[in-house]
Amino acid sequence: MNIDNQRLKQDRRALEGRIRSMKALLRTTWTEPMATVQRSLLAAKREATELCILRAHLRGKLHLPDADRCKEVAQRRMLDYRIEGPQ
């Protein structure tokens, strides 16, 4: 299966930017409830981890010690980045 590495890289960088901006917001003095931002940050971190798992899988490596979870996540996320080619 062919993977769109360029789009994967762009998505990872965009996600990293979102994570940085949320962290910067959470480091300031809170003037309003921040539970929503905290949940968004956690979701973004999970997504970033899944993209790192996919990238490691494509190189034949494991991102986390749990090989079964890495394989499951990589196979699921691979579908989002596959390139349809002639068969």
Protein backbone atom coordinates (compact mmCIF):
# COMPACT_ATOMS: atom_id res chain seq x y z
CA MET A 1 0.00 0.00 0.00
CA ASN A 2 1.35 3.42 -0.97
CA ILE A 3 1.16 6.17 1.65
CA ASP A 4 0.99 9.93 1.06
CA ASN A 5 4.02 10.81 3.19
CA GLN A 6 3.81 14.51 2.29
CA ARG A 7 0.26 14.80 3.65
CA LEU A 8 1.24 12.78 6.74
CA LYS A 9 4.11 15.17 7.40
CA GLN A 10 1.89 18.23 6.86
CA ASP A 11 -0.78 16.87 9.20
CA ARG A 12 1.81 16.12 11.88
CA ARG A 13 3.25 19.64 11.66
CA ALA A 14 -0.18 21.27 11.76
CA LEU A 15 -1.07 19.17 14.79
CA GLU A 16 2.18 20.11 16.52
CA GLY A 17 1.34 23.78 15.96
CA ARG A 18 -2.14 23.32 17.47
CA ILE A 19 -0.65 21.52 20.47
CA ARG A 20 1.90 24.31 21.04
CA SER A 21 -0.77 27.02 20.89
CA MET A 22 -3.03 25.14 23.33
CA LYS A 23 -0.13 24.61 25.73
CA ALA A 24 0.74 28.31 25.55
CA LEU A 25 -2.86 29.20 26.36
CA LEU A 26 -2.93 26.79 29.30
CA ARG A 27 0.32 28.26 30.70
CA THR A 28 -1.25 31.73 31.05
CA THR A 29 -3.40 32.85 33.95
CA TRP A 30 -6.79 31.25 33.54
CA THR A 31 -9.58 33.78 33.32
CA GLU A 32 -12.24 31.29 32.25
CA PRO A 33 -12.88 27.54 32.60
CA MET A 34 -10.24 25.64 30.65
CA ALA A 35 -11.66 22.11 30.74
CA THR A 36 -12.58 22.24 27.06
CA VAL A 37 -9.07 23.33 26.08
CA GLN A 38 -7.56 20.62 28.26
CA ARG A 39 -9.72 17.96 26.62
CA SER A 40 -8.83 19.30 23.17
CA LEU A 41 -5.15 19.17 24.07
CA LEU A 42 -5.44 15.57 25.21
CA ALA A 43 -7.25 14.60 21.99
CA ALA A 44 -4.60 16.37 19.88
CA LYS A 45 -1.81 14.59 21.76
CA ARG A 46 -3.48 11.22 21.18
CA GLU A 47 -3.82 11.98 17.47
CA ALA A 48 -0.18 13.07 17.30
CA THR A 49 0.86 9.81 18.97
CA GLU A 50 -1.15 7.83 16.42
CA LEU A 51 0.54 9.67 13.54
CA CYS A 52 3.94 8.96 15.11
CA ILE A 53 2.97 5.29 15.44
CA LEU A 54 2.08 5.24 11.74
CA ARG A 55 5.35 6.93 10.76
CA ALA A 56 7.38 4.48 12.85
CA HIS A 57 5.46 1.53 11.40
CA LEU A 58 6.28 2.70 7.87
CA ARG A 59 9.97 2.59 8.80
CA GLY A 60 9.63 -0.87 10.35
CA LYS A 61 9.94 0.44 13.92
CA LEU A 62 7.72 0.59 16.99
CA HIS A 63 6.77 3.91 18.56
CA LEU A 64 5.45 2.30 21.76
CA PRO A 65 6.47 -0.90 23.56
CA ASP A 66 3.06 -2.50 22.86
CA ALA A 67 3.63 -4.03 19.41
CA ASP A 68 0.03 -5.19 19.01
CA ARG A 69 -1.37 -1.73 19.67
CA CYS A 70 1.16 -0.14 17.31
CA LYS A 71 0.19 -2.53 14.55
CA GLU A 72 -3.55 -1.98 15.08
CA VAL A 73 -3.21 1.82 15.12
CA ALA A 74 -0.91 1.85 12.09
CA GLN A 75 -3.25 -0.31 10.04
CA ARG A 76 -6.24 1.84 10.98
CA ARG A 77 -4.48 5.15 10.26
CA MET A 78 -2.89 3.85 7.05
CA LEU A 79 -6.31 3.94 5.43
CA ASP A 80 -6.44 7.72 5.93
CA TYR A 81 -3.16 8.27 4.07
CA ARG A 82 -3.18 5.64 1.33
CA ILE A 83 -2.70 6.62 -2.27
CA GLU A 84 -4.87 4.81 -4.76
CA GLY A 85 -2.69 3.60 -7.60
CA PRO A 86 -3.16 1.47 -10.69
CA GLN A 87 -3.78 -2.15 -9.86
